[in-house]
Amino acid sequence: MRAGARGRCRASRVLLEPASLAAVAAVSVVAALVGGIGGFGSGAILTAALAPLIGIKALIPVMAVAGALINAGRFWFYRRSLERRTLLLVLAWALPFLVLGTWIYSVLDTRVLGTIIGLAVIASVPLRRYLKKRAVHVGARGLAVGSSVFGLATGITTGTGVILVSLLLGMGLGGPALLATDSLVSIALDVAKAALFHRLALLDQDAFLTGAVIGAASVPGSAAAAWLVMRMHAHLHILVMESLVVLGGASVLWNSWR
């Protein structure tokens, strides 16, 4: 619990200087563009930008607020394609394990957290390629198990969107239906995380405002992504996105042990 107390003290000093906040908001536009095309990657890019500015312990609470707004903008453009049955099944299994993951996050030491987050972000690239190559079909039982893992991982780290995207692909979803369902699941989990972090004293007013500004700045990126999805092949951005994700994970590792 001592580590959690240290994290709470650090999380209370999150508000960025105007220049830094403007720079991160600009990164948010790019992150929303990347994530809006492929369904994941925005969290990893923002993680790299935020980690050296606000510290590891405050990272996930701020990202929960920003993520809810980023995904809200994305969902708006694909809302008519939502797959409701899949949405309810994912949430039913992911939310209980999210609570457990959030509690684990609150008590872990900063360096341990940074290592977990950095490795998880980097691992999302080979994991995405492996799951795509395997093209595994996921039934209702597999979706339930996978959603439990996704919920637990989401409570502890960022860059877990690749797990959800792979599960939805395995259920046969694609295009706007995948993006709409992925976005609404992420909104629900981010809102739940923000509420839990607030109760654990890891999300104060400054952290909330920082996340809100970053999330609101992402709306133009989500709009541009929606325009591109309708006009281009979704895989054109993969190599650039994967490079940014790996660099983001390495940045988190560096900042957690520096």
Protein backbone atom coordinates (compact mmCIF):
# COMPACT_ATOMS: atom_id res chain seq x y z
CA MET A 1 0.00 0.00 0.00
CA ARG A 2 2.95 2.32 0.47
CA ALA A 3 3.60 2.24 -3.28
CA GLY A 4 -0.03 3.18 -3.88
CA ALA A 5 0.32 6.14 -1.55
CA ARG A 6 3.37 7.35 -3.46
CA GLY A 7 1.39 7.03 -6.68
CA ARG A 8 -1.46 9.11 -5.28
CA CYS A 9 0.90 11.93 -4.32
CA ARG A 10 2.44 11.95 -7.75
CA ALA A 11 -0.92 11.82 -9.51
CA SER A 12 -2.02 15.05 -7.80
CA ARG A 13 0.45 17.16 -9.85
CA VAL A 14 -0.69 16.49 -13.39
CA LEU A 15 -1.81 19.77 -14.98
CA LEU A 16 0.50 20.58 -17.89
CA GLU A 17 1.87 23.96 -18.86
CA PRO A 18 -0.08 25.54 -21.77
CA ALA A 19 2.71 24.92 -24.30
CA SER A 20 3.07 21.25 -23.29
CA LEU A 21 -0.68 20.74 -23.28
CA ALA A 22 -0.94 22.26 -26.77
CA ALA A 23 1.82 19.94 -28.04
CA VAL A 24 0.14 16.85 -26.57
CA ALA A 25 -3.21 17.99 -27.98
CA ALA A 26 -1.61 18.12 -31.44
CA VAL A 27 -0.28 14.58 -30.92
CA SER A 28 -3.82 13.60 -29.94
CA VAL A 29 -5.09 14.58 -33.39
CA VAL A 30 -2.51 12.29 -35.03
CA ALA A 31 -3.24 9.49 -32.54
CA ALA A 32 -6.98 9.69 -33.22
CA LEU A 33 -6.31 9.57 -36.95
CA VAL A 34 -4.17 6.43 -36.60
CA GLY A 35 -6.55 4.71 -34.20
CA GLY A 36 -9.61 5.69 -36.19
CA ILE A 37 -8.32 3.88 -39.26
CA GLY A 38 -7.07 0.67 -37.68
CA GLY A 39 -9.02 0.48 -34.41
CA PHE A 40 -5.96 0.69 -32.15
CA GLY A 41 -2.66 2.52 -31.77
CA SER A 42 -3.93 5.87 -30.45
CA GLY A 43 -3.32 4.90 -26.82
CA ALA A 44 0.26 3.83 -27.49
CA ILE A 45 1.10 7.08 -29.31
CA LEU A 46 -0.37 9.23 -26.55
CA THR A 47 1.39 7.12 -23.93
CA ALA A 48 4.76 8.01 -25.46
CA ALA A 49 3.88 11.72 -25.46
CA LEU A 50 2.45 11.83 -21.92
CA ALA A 51 4.80 9.56 -19.94
CA PRO A 52 7.73 12.01 -19.67
CA LEU A 53 5.37 14.91 -18.88
CA ILE A 54 3.05 13.56 -16.17
CA GLY A 55 4.82 10.44 -14.89
CA ILE A 56 3.93 6.76 -15.08
CA LYS A 57 1.53 6.61 -12.13
CA ALA A 58 -0.74 9.35 -13.50
CA LEU A 59 -0.62 7.99 -17.05
CA ILE A 60 -3.49 5.49 -17.08
CA PRO A 61 -5.98 7.70 -15.16
CA VAL A 62 -5.39 10.61 -17.58
CA MET A 63 -5.59 8.22 -20.54
CA ALA A 64 -8.93 6.90 -19.25
CA VAL A 65 -10.48 10.37 -19.55
CA ALA A 66 -8.79 11.11 -22.87
CA GLY A 67 -9.66 7.66 -24.22
CA ALA A 68 -13.36 8.03 -23.44
CA LEU A 69 -13.52 11.24 -25.48
CA ILE A 70 -11.32 9.93 -28.31
CA ASN A 71 -13.52 6.87 -28.69
CA ALA A 72 -16.70 8.94 -28.38
CA GLY A 73 -15.62 10.95 -31.40
CA ARG A 74 -14.78 7.76 -33.28
CA PHE A 75 -18.05 6.04 -32.32
CA TRP A 76 -20.13 8.95 -33.58
CA PHE A 77 -18.96 8.42 -37.14
CA TYR A 78 -19.68 4.65 -37.12
CA ARG A 79 -22.63 4.49 -34.69
CA ARG A 80 -25.09 3.03 -37.24
CA SER A 81 -22.91 -0.08 -37.65
CA LEU A 82 -22.83 -1.10 -33.95
CA GLU A 83 -23.07 -4.85 -33.25
CA ARG A 84 -25.11 -4.78 -30.02
CA ARG A 85 -25.04 -8.47 -29.08
CA THR A 86 -21.24 -8.62 -29.26
CA LEU A 87 -21.01 -5.36 -27.33
CA LEU A 88 -23.09 -6.69 -24.41
CA LEU A 89 -21.16 -9.96 -24.22
CA VAL A 90 -17.77 -8.21 -24.16
CA LEU A 91 -18.85 -5.74 -21.46
CA ALA A 92 -20.41 -8.43 -19.27
CA TRP A 93 -17.05 -10.21 -18.98
CA ALA A 94 -14.60 -7.33 -19.29
CA LEU A 95 -15.99 -4.95 -16.65
CA PRO A 96 -15.60 -7.21 -13.56
CA PHE A 97 -11.98 -7.96 -14.45
CA LEU A 98 -11.38 -4.28 -15.17
CA VAL A 99 -12.13 -3.56 -11.50
CA LEU A 100 -9.49 -6.10 -10.45
CA GLY A 101 -6.92 -4.71 -12.89
CA THR A 102 -7.52 -1.14 -11.72
CA TRP A 103 -6.94 -2.13 -8.09
CA ILE A 104 -3.69 -3.90 -9.06
CA TYR A 105 -2.58 -0.72 -10.87
CA SER A 106 -3.24 1.40 -7.79
CA VAL A 107 -0.86 -0.60 -5.57
CA LEU A 108 2.01 -1.33 -7.97
CA ASP A 109 5.34 0.51 -7.81
CA THR A 110 6.00 3.10 -10.54
CA ARG A 111 8.93 1.24 -12.10
CA VAL A 112 6.95 -2.00 -12.21
CA LEU A 113 4.05 -0.16 -13.82
CA GLY A 114 6.31 1.48 -16.39
CA THR A 115 7.88 -1.85 -17.29
CA ILE A 116 4.48 -3.53 -17.67
CA ILE A 117 3.05 -0.69 -19.76
CA GLY A 118 6.12 -0.37 -21.98
CA LEU A 119 6.38 -4.11 -22.66
CA ALA A 120 2.63 -4.39 -23.26
CA VAL A 121 2.71 -1.59 -25.82
CA ILE A 122 5.69 -3.09 -27.67
CA ALA A 123 4.20 -6.60 -27.53
CA SER A 124 0.98 -5.37 -29.15
CA VAL A 125 2.76 -5.25 -32.54
CA PRO A 126 3.88 -8.91 -32.81
CA LEU A 127 0.66 -9.98 -31.06
CA ARG A 128 -1.45 -8.24 -33.69
CA ARG A 129 0.55 -9.88 -36.49
CA TYR A 130 0.36 -13.32 -34.87
CA LEU A 131 -3.39 -13.16 -34.30
CA LYS A 132 -3.99 -11.82 -37.79
CA LYS A 133 -1.91 -14.61 -39.35
CA ARG A 134 -3.69 -17.27 -37.34
CA ALA A 135 -7.10 -15.82 -38.29
CA VAL A 136 -8.67 -17.73 -35.40
CA HIS A 137 -12.47 -17.90 -35.26
CA VAL A 138 -13.78 -16.85 -31.87
CA GLY A 139 -17.09 -18.23 -30.61
CA ALA A 140 -19.17 -16.93 -27.72
CA ARG A 141 -17.09 -18.86 -25.15
CA GLY A 142 -13.80 -17.67 -26.62
CA LEU A 143 -15.09 -14.10 -26.69
CA ALA A 144 -16.01 -14.35 -23.00
CA VAL A 145 -12.55 -15.64 -22.00
CA GLY A 146 -10.78 -13.14 -24.21
CA SER A 147 -12.90 -10.26 -22.88
CA SER A 148 -11.93 -11.21 -19.31
CA VAL A 149 -8.24 -11.02 -20.24
CA PHE A 150 -8.85 -7.75 -22.08
CA GLY A 151 -10.65 -6.23 -19.07
CA LEU A 152 -7.88 -7.21 -16.65
CA ALA A 153 -5.13 -5.92 -18.95
CA THR A 154 -7.00 -2.66 -19.60
CA GLY A 155 -7.13 -1.92 -15.87
CA ILE A 156 -3.37 -2.25 -15.55
CA THR A 157 -1.89 -0.90 -18.77
CA THR A 158 -2.53 0.84 -22.10
CA GLY A 159 -2.09 -0.44 -25.65
CA THR A 160 -4.53 -3.33 -25.08
CA GLY A 161 -6.84 -2.34 -27.96
CA VAL A 162 -5.15 -4.94 -30.14
CA ILE A 163 -6.68 -7.68 -27.95
CA LEU A 164 -10.21 -6.36 -28.44
CA VAL A 165 -9.74 -5.75 -32.16
CA SER A 166 -8.46 -9.32 -32.60
CA LEU A 167 -11.43 -10.73 -30.68
CA LEU A 168 -13.90 -8.76 -32.79
CA LEU A 169 -12.19 -9.86 -35.99
CA GLY A 170 -12.50 -13.44 -34.76
CA MET A 171 -16.24 -12.90 -34.35
CA GLY A 172 -16.44 -11.92 -38.01
CA LEU A 173 -16.72 -8.17 -37.54
CA GLY A 174 -14.90 -5.81 -39.87
CA GLY A 175 -14.93 -2.27 -41.23
CA PRO A 176 -17.37 0.19 -39.63
CA ALA A 177 -19.04 -2.55 -37.53
CA LEU A 178 -15.73 -3.42 -35.89
CA LEU A 179 -14.81 0.22 -35.32
CA ALA A 180 -18.22 1.10 -33.85
CA THR A 181 -18.27 -1.86 -31.45
CA ASP A 182 -14.63 -1.42 -30.47
CA SER A 183 -15.22 2.28 -29.76
CA LEU A 184 -18.28 1.80 -27.56
CA VAL A 185 -16.64 -0.99 -25.55
CA SER A 186 -13.64 1.28 -25.01
CA ILE A 187 -15.86 4.18 -23.94
CA ALA A 188 -17.61 2.04 -21.32
CA LEU A 189 -14.33 0.71 -19.92
CA ASP A 190 -12.66 4.13 -19.90
CA VAL A 191 -15.58 5.71 -18.03
CA ALA A 192 -15.52 2.86 -15.50
CA LYS A 193 -11.75 3.24 -15.09
CA ALA A 194 -12.02 6.97 -14.55
CA ALA A 195 -14.63 6.45 -11.83
CA LEU A 196 -12.52 3.78 -10.13
CA PHE A 197 -9.34 5.87 -10.30
CA HIS A 198 -11.22 8.81 -8.79
CA ARG A 199 -12.27 6.65 -5.84
CA LEU A 200 -8.67 5.49 -5.45
CA ALA A 201 -7.48 9.14 -5.37
CA LEU A 202 -5.51 8.68 -8.60
CA LEU A 203 -7.67 10.99 -10.71
CA ASP A 204 -8.05 14.56 -9.44
CA GLN A 205 -9.41 17.68 -11.13
CA ASP A 206 -6.11 18.59 -12.82
CA ALA A 207 -5.72 15.08 -14.24
CA PHE A 208 -9.34 15.09 -15.44
CA LEU A 209 -8.93 18.44 -17.21
CA THR A 210 -5.68 17.31 -18.85
CA GLY A 211 -7.37 14.17 -20.18
CA ALA A 212 -10.44 16.14 -21.30
CA VAL A 213 -8.37 18.63 -23.31
CA ILE A 214 -6.41 15.83 -24.96
CA GLY A 215 -9.59 13.91 -25.75
CA ALA A 216 -11.43 16.92 -27.15
CA ALA A 217 -8.47 17.77 -29.38
CA SER A 218 -8.75 14.33 -31.00
CA VAL A 219 -12.11 15.03 -32.68
CA PRO A 220 -10.58 16.40 -35.94
CA GLY A 221 -8.39 13.29 -36.14
CA SER A 222 -11.41 11.00 -35.72
CA ALA A 223 -13.28 12.91 -38.42
CA ALA A 224 -10.34 12.63 -40.83
CA ALA A 225 -10.00 8.91 -40.07
CA ALA A 226 -13.69 8.31 -40.82
CA TRP A 227 -13.28 10.12 -44.15
CA LEU A 228 -10.24 8.03 -45.03
CA VAL A 229 -11.79 4.68 -43.99
CA MET A 230 -14.50 5.20 -46.57
CA ARG A 231 -11.96 5.95 -49.32
CA MET A 232 -8.80 3.94 -48.75
CA HIS A 233 -7.51 0.49 -47.83
CA ALA A 234 -7.24 0.30 -44.04
CA HIS A 235 -3.83 -1.41 -44.07
CA LEU A 236 -1.88 1.42 -45.73
CA HIS A 237 -0.95 2.92 -42.38
CA ILE A 238 0.12 -0.29 -40.62
CA LEU A 239 3.92 -0.02 -40.92
CA VAL A 240 3.99 3.59 -39.76
CA MET A 241 1.59 2.82 -36.92
CA GLU A 242 3.60 -0.17 -35.73
CA SER A 243 6.79 1.89 -35.74
CA LEU A 244 5.12 4.56 -33.61
CA VAL A 245 3.77 1.93 -31.21
CA VAL A 246 7.19 0.34 -30.70
CA LEU A 247 8.82 3.73 -30.16
CA GLY A 248 6.07 4.61 -27.71
CA GLY A 249 6.65 1.46 -25.66
CA ALA A 250 10.41 2.09 -25.60
CA SER A 251 9.77 5.65 -24.45
CA VAL A 252 7.66 4.45 -21.53
CA LEU A 253 10.36 1.94 -20.50
CA TRP A 254 13.02 4.65 -20.65
CA ASN A 255 11.02 7.13 -18.60
CA SER A 256 10.03 4.58 -15.95
CA TRP A 257 13.66 3.60 -15.25
CA ARG A 258 15.35 6.94 -15.89
